[in-house]
Amino acid sequence: MKNVVITGSTRGIGLAMALEFLQAGCNVTLSGRGEALPDAALDKLSPYKGKYIYVKCNVQDKASLQDLWDASLKRWGRVDIWINNAGQNVPHMFSWETGEAYTENVIRTNIIGMIYGSQIAAAGMLKQGHGAIYSMEGLGSNNMVQPKTILYGTTKCALTYYMKGLAKELEGTGIIAGRLSPGMMLTDFITKTPDGGQSDVISDKRFRKIFNILADRPETVARFFVPRILGNRKNNAQIKWLTSSKAAWRFMTAGFRKGRLL
């Protein structure tokens, strides 16, 4: 039985992974910026009372992440898997049009928060002698450039570099570091702006066409990720959902996939 911590797990892929870990018999610490879990998340978690805790955490604050580790360690006795999933997006606009607050938030959450979380997890796991640290990749991790998303893409490119470097630093320690590559998913990142409004991206016909071919619901991706995370013993592993061959097959069969998500 593994004890798992997931940052940014009140909704989307974070919550979906938490549910899959719980179903697999793990104990899970969920976290987010709110004082408590949203009602929608509580409803889904209701069958697993006693198997999870929620800890308020702002990943931009290293002390808050340390509290997350400490609370998890106190409740479960050890932390086997730490997943940096918390992420921030920016409005769909050119980088020079993007406001200062949006710019700082995407960097502080996606890069600094991920690094802080990894530092705390690595230090704690080295003390206990085992553990695995994963971070969530995204657009930009493969160096693909998409206009009007380059701030987000820059952070994910940096995330991939950092996690590869962390894996090298952890070689021979018994701690492993890896990356989760989810592909495109139907989450608030796509459908909403950072302020909670409706994103203008989904009104783009070309985007909708590509999205409906390649994207999946977070629950589908989580069902793929979790058993592979639990079974992985390899350092510097990339657990990838949307492979090149899978993407090619979806384009070939695109006529059967129209309008399935958007």
C-alpha atoms as a PDB file:
ATOM      1  CA  MET A   1       0.000   0.000   0.000  1.00  0.00           C
ATOM      2  CA  LYS A   2       1.496   3.310  -1.128  1.00  0.00           C
ATOM      3  CA  ASN A   3       1.060   6.741   0.421  1.00  0.00           C
ATOM      4  CA  VAL A   4       0.630   9.405  -2.243  1.00  0.00           C
ATOM      5  CA  VAL A   5       0.698  13.229  -2.198  1.00  0.00           C
ATOM      6  CA  ILE A   6      -0.738  15.152  -5.166  1.00  0.00           C
ATOM      7  CA  THR A   7      -0.559  18.937  -5.429  1.00  0.00           C
ATOM      8  CA  GLY A   8      -3.435  20.649  -7.236  1.00  0.00           C
ATOM      9  CA  SER A   9      -5.814  17.723  -6.758  1.00  0.00           C
ATOM     10  CA  THR A  10      -9.217  19.299  -6.134  1.00  0.00           C
ATOM     11  CA  ARG A  11     -10.351  18.807  -9.761  1.00  0.00           C
ATOM     12  CA  GLY A  12      -9.198  17.721 -13.219  1.00  0.00           C
ATOM     13  CA  ILE A  13      -6.378  15.222 -13.664  1.00  0.00           C
ATOM     14  CA  GLY A  14      -5.199  15.705 -10.063  1.00  0.00           C
ATOM     15  CA  LEU A  15      -8.527  14.610  -8.598  1.00  0.00           C
ATOM     16  CA  ALA A  16      -8.894  11.854 -11.194  1.00  0.00           C
ATOM     17  CA  MET A  17      -5.495  10.423 -10.204  1.00  0.00           C
ATOM     18  CA  ALA A  18      -6.359  10.680  -6.511  1.00  0.00           C
ATOM     19  CA  LEU A  19      -9.495   8.601  -7.106  1.00  0.00           C
ATOM     20  CA  GLU A  20      -7.551   6.004  -9.084  1.00  0.00           C
ATOM     21  CA  PHE A  21      -4.899   5.717  -6.366  1.00  0.00           C
ATOM     22  CA  LEU A  22      -7.618   5.310  -3.747  1.00  0.00           C
ATOM     23  CA  GLN A  23      -9.335   2.631  -5.806  1.00  0.00           C
ATOM     24  CA  ALA A  24      -5.968   0.849  -6.016  1.00  0.00           C
ATOM     25  CA  GLY A  25      -5.792   0.752  -2.207  1.00  0.00           C
ATOM     26  CA  CYS A  26      -3.428   3.679  -1.623  1.00  0.00           C
ATOM     27  CA  ASN A  27      -3.670   6.428   0.965  1.00  0.00           C
ATOM     28  CA  VAL A  28      -3.810   9.883  -0.611  1.00  0.00           C
ATOM     29  CA  THR A  29      -3.156  13.450   0.489  1.00  0.00           C
ATOM     30  CA  LEU A  30      -5.060  15.883  -1.710  1.00  0.00           C
ATOM     31  CA  SER A  31      -4.230  19.565  -1.754  1.00  0.00           C
ATOM     32  CA  GLY A  32      -5.317  22.875  -3.205  1.00  0.00           C
ATOM     33  CA  ARG A  33      -5.511  26.558  -2.393  1.00  0.00           C
ATOM     34  CA  GLY A  34      -8.997  26.441  -0.870  1.00  0.00           C
ATOM     35  CA  GLU A  35      -9.794  25.977   2.799  1.00  0.00           C
ATOM     36  CA  ALA A  36     -11.593  22.717   2.034  1.00  0.00           C
ATOM     37  CA  LEU A  37     -12.345  20.354  -0.817  1.00  0.00           C
ATOM     38  CA  PRO A  38     -15.163  21.449  -3.167  1.00  0.00           C
ATOM     39  CA  ASP A  39     -18.475  19.647  -2.726  1.00  0.00           C
ATOM     40  CA  ALA A  40     -18.114  17.962  -6.128  1.00  0.00           C
ATOM     41  CA  ALA A  41     -14.798  16.434  -5.050  1.00  0.00           C
ATOM     42  CA  LEU A  42     -16.177  15.399  -1.655  1.00  0.00           C
ATOM     43  CA  ASP A  43     -19.020  13.524  -3.342  1.00  0.00           C
ATOM     44  CA  LYS A  44     -16.575  11.531  -5.474  1.00  0.00           C
ATOM     45  CA  LEU A  45     -14.329  10.818  -2.492  1.00  0.00           C
ATOM     46  CA  SER A  46     -17.144   9.723  -0.167  1.00  0.00           C
ATOM     47  CA  PRO A  47     -16.471   5.953  -0.581  1.00  0.00           C
ATOM     48  CA  TYR A  48     -12.893   6.426   0.668  1.00  0.00           C
ATOM     49  CA  LYS A  49     -13.326   8.057   4.078  1.00  0.00           C
ATOM     50  CA  GLY A  50     -10.280   7.436   6.266  1.00  0.00           C
ATOM     51  CA  LYS A  51      -8.098   6.789   3.224  1.00  0.00           C
ATOM     52  CA  TYR A  52      -7.455  10.410   2.307  1.00  0.00           C
ATOM     53  CA  ILE A  53      -6.782  13.782   3.868  1.00  0.00           C
ATOM     54  CA  TYR A  54      -6.945  17.282   2.452  1.00  0.00           C
ATOM     55  CA  VAL A  55      -4.273  19.884   3.189  1.00  0.00           C
ATOM     56  CA  LYS A  56      -4.540  23.496   2.061  1.00  0.00           C
ATOM     57  CA  CYS A  57      -1.408  24.360   0.104  1.00  0.00           C
ATOM     58  CA  ASN A  58      -0.149  27.243  -2.011  1.00  0.00           C
ATOM     59  CA  VAL A  59       2.723  25.811  -4.052  1.00  0.00           C
ATOM     60  CA  GLN A  60       4.173  29.280  -4.582  1.00  0.00           C
ATOM     61  CA  ASP A  61       5.074  29.265  -0.876  1.00  0.00           C
ATOM     62  CA  LYS A  62       7.780  26.766   0.111  1.00  0.00           C
ATOM     63  CA  ALA A  63       6.674  26.758   3.759  1.00  0.00           C
ATOM     64  CA  SER A  64       3.182  25.748   2.633  1.00  0.00           C
ATOM     65  CA  LEU A  65       4.616  22.833   0.682  1.00  0.00           C
ATOM     66  CA  GLN A  66       6.674  21.819   3.718  1.00  0.00           C
ATOM     67  CA  ASP A  67       3.448  21.802   5.744  1.00  0.00           C
ATOM     68  CA  LEU A  68       1.927  19.530   3.093  1.00  0.00           C
ATOM     69  CA  TRP A  69       4.817  17.083   3.448  1.00  0.00           C
ATOM     70  CA  ASP A  70       4.739  17.240   7.254  1.00  0.00           C
ATOM     71  CA  ALA A  71       0.982  16.686   7.467  1.00  0.00           C
ATOM     72  CA  SER A  72       1.208  13.732   5.082  1.00  0.00           C
ATOM     73  CA  LEU A  73       4.115  12.211   6.999  1.00  0.00           C
ATOM     74  CA  LYS A  74       2.259  12.619  10.298  1.00  0.00           C
ATOM     75  CA  ARG A  75      -0.899  10.996   8.929  1.00  0.00           C
ATOM     76  CA  TRP A  76       0.592   8.133   6.901  1.00  0.00           C
ATOM     77  CA  GLY A  77       4.017   7.591   8.448  1.00  0.00           C
ATOM     78  CA  ARG A  78       5.863   7.929   5.132  1.00  0.00           C
ATOM     79  CA  VAL A  79       5.409   9.400   1.653  1.00  0.00           C
ATOM     80  CA  ASP A  80       6.052   6.942  -1.167  1.00  0.00           C
ATOM     81  CA  ILE A  81       4.946   9.025  -4.159  1.00  0.00           C
ATOM     82  CA  TRP A  82       4.892  12.807  -4.560  1.00  0.00           C
ATOM     83  CA  ILE A  83       3.245  14.281  -7.668  1.00  0.00           C
ATOM     84  CA  ASN A  84       3.722  17.923  -8.666  1.00  0.00           C
ATOM     85  CA  ASN A  85       0.468  18.494 -10.503  1.00  0.00           C
ATOM     86  CA  ALA A  86      -0.549  22.035  -9.510  1.00  0.00           C
ATOM     87  CA  GLY A  87      -0.530  24.231 -12.591  1.00  0.00           C
ATOM     88  CA  GLN A  88      -1.471  27.704 -13.749  1.00  0.00           C
ATOM     89  CA  ASN A  89      -2.405  28.873 -17.229  1.00  0.00           C
ATOM     90  CA  VAL A  90      -2.506  32.350 -18.795  1.00  0.00           C
ATOM     91  CA  PRO A  91      -5.078  34.012 -21.080  1.00  0.00           C
ATOM     92  CA  HIS A  92      -4.855  33.020 -24.746  1.00  0.00           C
ATOM     93  CA  MET A  93      -2.949  36.060 -26.015  1.00  0.00           C
ATOM     94  CA  PHE A  94       0.468  37.118 -27.231  1.00  0.00           C
ATOM     95  CA  SER A  95       3.151  37.130 -24.543  1.00  0.00           C
ATOM     96  CA  TRP A  96       3.671  40.907 -24.733  1.00  0.00           C
ATOM     97  CA  GLU A  97      -0.046  41.443 -24.110  1.00  0.00           C
ATOM     98  CA  THR A  98      -0.068  39.263 -21.002  1.00  0.00           C
ATOM     99  CA  GLY A  99      -0.356  41.151 -17.730  1.00  0.00           C
ATOM    100  CA  GLU A 100       2.268  41.109 -15.016  1.00  0.00           C
ATOM    101  CA  ALA A 101       0.130  39.166 -12.532  1.00  0.00           C
ATOM    102  CA  TYR A 102      -0.604  36.396 -15.054  1.00  0.00           C
ATOM    103  CA  THR A 103       3.057  36.220 -16.032  1.00  0.00           C
ATOM    104  CA  GLU A 104       4.259  35.940 -12.458  1.00  0.00           C
ATOM    105  CA  ASN A 105       1.603  33.403 -11.476  1.00  0.00           C
ATOM    106  CA  VAL A 106       2.352  30.973 -14.299  1.00  0.00           C
ATOM    107  CA  ILE A 107       6.088  31.093 -13.505  1.00  0.00           C
ATOM    108  CA  ARG A 108       5.702  30.903  -9.740  1.00  0.00           C
ATOM    109  CA  THR A 109       3.239  28.013  -9.912  1.00  0.00           C
ATOM    110  CA  ASN A 110       4.539  25.912 -12.796  1.00  0.00           C
ATOM    111  CA  ILE A 111       8.279  26.362 -12.261  1.00  0.00           C
ATOM    112  CA  ILE A 112       8.988  27.634  -8.757  1.00  0.00           C
ATOM    113  CA  GLY A 113       6.185  25.609  -7.147  1.00  0.00           C
ATOM    114  CA  MET A 114       7.287  22.458  -8.945  1.00  0.00           C
ATOM    115  CA  ILE A 115      10.906  23.008  -7.891  1.00  0.00           C
ATOM    116  CA  TYR A 116       9.962  23.748  -4.275  1.00  0.00           C
ATOM    117  CA  GLY A 117       7.797  20.637  -4.159  1.00  0.00           C
ATOM    118  CA  SER A 118      10.559  18.501  -5.630  1.00  0.00           C
ATOM    119  CA  GLN A 119      13.144  19.904  -3.208  1.00  0.00           C
ATOM    120  CA  ILE A 120      10.979  19.143  -0.193  1.00  0.00           C
ATOM    121  CA  ALA A 121      10.019  15.681  -1.439  1.00  0.00           C
ATOM    122  CA  ALA A 122      13.617  14.775  -2.310  1.00  0.00           C
ATOM    123  CA  ALA A 123      14.940  15.917   1.068  1.00  0.00           C
ATOM    124  CA  GLY A 124      12.228  14.004   2.932  1.00  0.00           C
ATOM    125  CA  MET A 125      12.559  10.867   0.840  1.00  0.00           C
ATOM    126  CA  LEU A 126      16.339  10.794   1.245  1.00  0.00           C
ATOM    127  CA  LYS A 127      15.775  10.718   5.012  1.00  0.00           C
ATOM    128  CA  GLN A 128      13.332   7.837   4.776  1.00  0.00           C
ATOM    129  CA  GLY A 129      15.453   6.025   2.160  1.00  0.00           C
ATOM    130  CA  HIS A 130      12.939   5.596  -0.648  1.00  0.00           C
ATOM    131  CA  GLY A 131      10.353   7.375  -2.776  1.00  0.00           C
ATOM    132  CA  ALA A 132       9.325   8.615  -6.205  1.00  0.00           C
ATOM    133  CA  ILE A 133       8.777  12.174  -7.437  1.00  0.00           C
ATOM    134  CA  TYR A 134       6.780  12.934 -10.590  1.00  0.00           C
ATOM    135  CA  SER A 135       5.881  16.197 -12.301  1.00  0.00           C
ATOM    136  CA  MET A 136       3.184  16.843 -14.889  1.00  0.00           C
ATOM    137  CA  GLU A 137       4.403  17.818 -18.344  1.00  0.00           C
ATOM    138  CA  GLY A 138       2.360  19.826 -20.849  1.00  0.00           C
ATOM    139  CA  LEU A 139       2.447  21.888 -24.006  1.00  0.00           C
ATOM    140  CA  GLY A 140       6.060  22.996 -24.444  1.00  0.00           C
ATOM    141  CA  SER A 141       7.664  19.969 -22.828  1.00  0.00           C
ATOM    142  CA  ASN A 142       8.605  18.640 -26.269  1.00  0.00           C
ATOM    143  CA  ASN A 143       9.822  22.105 -27.408  1.00  0.00           C
ATOM    144  CA  MET A 144       6.799  22.607 -29.667  1.00  0.00           C
ATOM    145  CA  VAL A 145       5.981  26.309 -29.991  1.00  0.00           C
ATOM    146  CA  GLN A 146       2.323  27.335 -30.076  1.00  0.00           C
ATOM    147  CA  PRO A 147       1.642  31.095 -30.438  1.00  0.00           C
ATOM    148  CA  LYS A 148      -0.344  32.707 -27.627  1.00  0.00           C
ATOM    149  CA  THR A 149       0.640  29.907 -25.229  1.00  0.00           C
ATOM    150  CA  ILE A 150       4.399  30.429 -25.041  1.00  0.00           C
ATOM    151  CA  LEU A 151       4.479  31.568 -21.412  1.00  0.00           C
ATOM    152  CA  TYR A 152       2.815  28.346 -20.325  1.00  0.00           C
ATOM    153  CA  GLY A 153       4.971  26.381 -22.776  1.00  0.00           C
ATOM    154  CA  THR A 154       8.137  27.961 -21.404  1.00  0.00           C
ATOM    155  CA  THR A 155       7.287  26.757 -17.907  1.00  0.00           C
ATOM    156  CA  LYS A 156       6.638  23.206 -19.094  1.00  0.00           C
ATOM    157  CA  CYS A 157       9.857  23.154 -21.112  1.00  0.00           C
ATOM    158  CA  ALA A 158      11.696  24.188 -17.949  1.00  0.00           C
ATOM    159  CA  LEU A 159       9.845  21.539 -15.931  1.00  0.00           C
ATOM    160  CA  THR A 160      11.059  18.773 -18.239  1.00  0.00           C
ATOM    161  CA  TYR A 161      14.664  19.981 -18.044  1.00  0.00           C
ATOM    162  CA  TYR A 162      14.508  20.212 -14.254  1.00  0.00           C
ATOM    163  CA  MET A 163      13.027  16.739 -13.797  1.00  0.00           C
ATOM    164  CA  LYS A 164      15.634  15.173 -16.084  1.00  0.00           C
ATOM    165  CA  GLY A 165      18.312  16.944 -14.062  1.00  0.00           C
ATOM    166  CA  LEU A 166      16.754  15.887 -10.762  1.00  0.00           C
ATOM    167  CA  ALA A 167      16.783  12.270 -11.922  1.00  0.00           C
ATOM    168  CA  LYS A 168      20.517  12.556 -12.567  1.00  0.00           C
ATOM    169  CA  GLU A 169      21.130  14.084  -9.161  1.00  0.00           C
ATOM    170  CA  LEU A 170      19.182  11.276  -7.484  1.00  0.00           C
ATOM    171  CA  GLU A 171      20.985   8.420  -9.258  1.00  0.00           C
ATOM    172  CA  GLY A 172      22.057   5.757  -6.793  1.00  0.00           C
ATOM    173  CA  THR A 173      20.067   7.173  -3.876  1.00  0.00           C
ATOM    174  CA  GLY A 174      17.045   4.884  -4.042  1.00  0.00           C
ATOM    175  CA  ILE A 175      14.840   7.857  -4.942  1.00  0.00           C
ATOM    176  CA  ILE A 176      13.528   8.156  -8.496  1.00  0.00           C
ATOM    177  CA  ALA A 177      12.233  11.148 -10.450  1.00  0.00           C
ATOM    178  CA  GLY A 178      10.005  10.998 -13.513  1.00  0.00           C
ATOM    179  CA  ARG A 179       7.550  12.833 -15.721  1.00  0.00           C
ATOM    180  CA  LEU A 180       3.880  12.345 -16.580  1.00  0.00           C
ATOM    181  CA  SER A 181       2.875  13.339 -20.106  1.00  0.00           C
ATOM    182  CA  PRO A 182      -0.935  13.510 -20.370  1.00  0.00           C
ATOM    183  CA  GLY A 183      -1.441  14.932 -23.861  1.00  0.00           C
ATOM    184  CA  MET A 184      -4.573  17.024 -24.365  1.00  0.00           C
ATOM    185  CA  MET A 185      -7.373  16.792 -21.805  1.00  0.00           C
ATOM    186  CA  LEU A 186     -10.818  18.273 -21.329  1.00  0.00           C
ATOM    187  CA  THR A 187     -10.209  20.328 -18.176  1.00  0.00           C
ATOM    188  CA  ASP A 188     -10.702  23.897 -16.967  1.00  0.00           C
ATOM    189  CA  PHE A 189      -7.318  24.691 -18.510  1.00  0.00           C
ATOM    190  CA  ILE A 190      -9.030  24.437 -21.887  1.00  0.00           C
ATOM    191  CA  THR A 191     -12.581  25.564 -21.219  1.00  0.00           C
ATOM    192  CA  LYS A 192     -11.941  28.452 -18.806  1.00  0.00           C
ATOM    193  CA  THR A 193      -9.665  31.458 -18.449  1.00  0.00           C
ATOM    194  CA  PRO A 194      -7.453  31.766 -15.340  1.00  0.00           C
ATOM    195  CA  ASP A 195     -10.165  34.007 -13.875  1.00  0.00           C
ATOM    196  CA  GLY A 196     -12.886  31.400 -14.361  1.00  0.00           C
ATOM    197  CA  GLY A 197     -14.544  32.833 -17.464  1.00  0.00           C
ATOM    198  CA  GLN A 198     -15.149  30.952 -20.699  1.00  0.00           C
ATOM    199  CA  SER A 199     -12.013  30.626 -22.788  1.00  0.00           C
ATOM    200  CA  ASP A 200     -12.123  32.001 -26.324  1.00  0.00           C
ATOM    201  CA  VAL A 201      -9.897  29.101 -27.427  1.00  0.00           C
ATOM    202  CA  ILE A 202     -12.827  26.699 -27.623  1.00  0.00           C
ATOM    203  CA  SER A 203     -14.600  28.912 -30.164  1.00  0.00           C
ATOM    204  CA  ASP A 204     -11.729  28.409 -32.623  1.00  0.00           C
ATOM    205  CA  LYS A 205     -12.960  25.877 -35.210  1.00  0.00           C
ATOM    206  CA  ARG A 206      -9.485  24.591 -36.061  1.00  0.00           C
ATOM    207  CA  PHE A 207      -8.644  24.095 -32.388  1.00  0.00           C
ATOM    208  CA  ARG A 208     -11.934  22.290 -31.738  1.00  0.00           C
ATOM    209  CA  LYS A 209     -11.262  19.911 -34.632  1.00  0.00           C
ATOM    210  CA  ILE A 210      -7.777  18.992 -33.385  1.00  0.00           C
ATOM    211  CA  PHE A 211      -8.945  18.814 -29.777  1.00  0.00           C
ATOM    212  CA  ASN A 212     -11.751  16.403 -30.585  1.00  0.00           C
ATOM    213  CA  ILE A 213      -9.296  14.134 -32.377  1.00  0.00           C
ATOM    214  CA  LEU A 214      -6.507  14.085 -29.807  1.00  0.00           C
ATOM    215  CA  ALA A 215      -7.966  14.961 -26.409  1.00  0.00           C
ATOM    216  CA  ASP A 216      -9.336  12.753 -23.647  1.00  0.00           C
ATOM    217  CA  ARG A 217     -11.128  13.146 -20.361  1.00  0.00           C
ATOM    218  CA  PRO A 218      -8.843  13.286 -17.292  1.00  0.00           C
ATOM    219  CA  GLU A 219     -10.386  10.094 -15.920  1.00  0.00           C
ATOM    220  CA  THR A 220      -9.172   8.193 -18.992  1.00  0.00           C
ATOM    221  CA  VAL A 221      -5.617   9.481 -18.605  1.00  0.00           C
ATOM    222  CA  ALA A 222      -5.605   8.814 -14.852  1.00  0.00           C
ATOM    223  CA  ARG A 223      -6.592   5.174 -15.408  1.00  0.00           C
ATOM    224  CA  PHE A 224      -3.535   4.873 -17.655  1.00  0.00           C
ATOM    225  CA  PHE A 225      -1.132   6.735 -15.360  1.00  0.00           C
ATOM    226  CA  VAL A 226      -1.795   5.241 -11.945  1.00  0.00           C
ATOM    227  CA  PRO A 227      -0.932   1.555 -12.475  1.00  0.00           C
ATOM    228  CA  ARG A 228       2.212   2.577 -14.336  1.00  0.00           C
ATOM    229  CA  ILE A 229       3.260   4.958 -11.570  1.00  0.00           C
ATOM    230  CA  LEU A 230       2.708   2.224  -9.001  1.00  0.00           C
ATOM    231  CA  GLY A 231       4.649  -0.291 -11.084  1.00  0.00           C
ATOM    232  CA  ASN A 232       7.521   1.937 -12.160  1.00  0.00           C
ATOM    233  CA  ARG A 233      10.978   1.383 -10.652  1.00  0.00           C
ATOM    234  CA  LYS A 234      12.959   3.208 -13.346  1.00  0.00           C
ATOM    235  CA  ASN A 235      14.596   6.552 -12.690  1.00  0.00           C
ATOM    236  CA  ASN A 236      13.999   9.329 -15.272  1.00  0.00           C
ATOM    237  CA  ALA A 237      10.936   7.534 -16.649  1.00  0.00           C
ATOM    238  CA  GLN A 238       8.449   9.381 -18.832  1.00  0.00           C
ATOM    239  CA  ILE A 239       4.974   7.886 -18.546  1.00  0.00           C
ATOM    240  CA  LYS A 240       3.321   9.074 -21.739  1.00  0.00           C
ATOM    241  CA  TRP A 241      -0.339   8.743 -22.643  1.00  0.00           C
ATOM    242  CA  LEU A 242      -0.576  10.316 -26.102  1.00  0.00           C
ATOM    243  CA  THR A 243       2.241   8.638 -28.019  1.00  0.00           C
ATOM    244  CA  SER A 244       3.078   9.491 -31.640  1.00  0.00           C
ATOM    245  CA  SER A 245       1.589   6.228 -32.878  1.00  0.00           C
ATOM    246  CA  LYS A 246      -1.612   6.785 -30.904  1.00  0.00           C
ATOM    247  CA  ALA A 247      -1.917  10.329 -32.281  1.00  0.00           C
ATOM    248  CA  ALA A 248      -1.356   9.088 -35.845  1.00  0.00           C
ATOM    249  CA  TRP A 249      -4.062   6.448 -35.437  1.00  0.00           C
ATOM    250  CA  ARG A 250      -6.510   9.031 -34.149  1.00  0.00           C
ATOM    251  CA  PHE A 251      -5.955  11.256 -37.168  1.00  0.00           C
ATOM    252  CA  MET A 252      -6.481   8.250 -39.435  1.00  0.00           C
ATOM    253  CA  THR A 253      -9.782   7.488 -37.715  1.00  0.00           C
ATOM    254  CA  ALA A 254     -10.805  11.113 -37.200  1.00  0.00           C
ATOM    255  CA  GLY A 255     -14.076  10.651 -39.072  1.00  0.00           C
ATOM    256  CA  PHE A 256     -15.393   8.591 -36.184  1.00  0.00           C
ATOM    257  CA  ARG A 257     -14.339  11.097 -33.507  1.00  0.00           C
ATOM    258  CA  LYS A 258     -16.221  14.280 -34.491  1.00  0.00           C
ATOM    259  CA  GLY A 259     -17.561  16.439 -31.681  1.00  0.00           C
ATOM    260  CA  ARG A 260     -16.896  13.868 -28.999  1.00  0.00           C
ATOM    261  CA  LEU A 261     -15.667  16.380 -26.393  1.00  0.00           C
ATOM    262  CA  LEU A 262     -16.316  19.951 -27.621  1.00  0.00           C
END
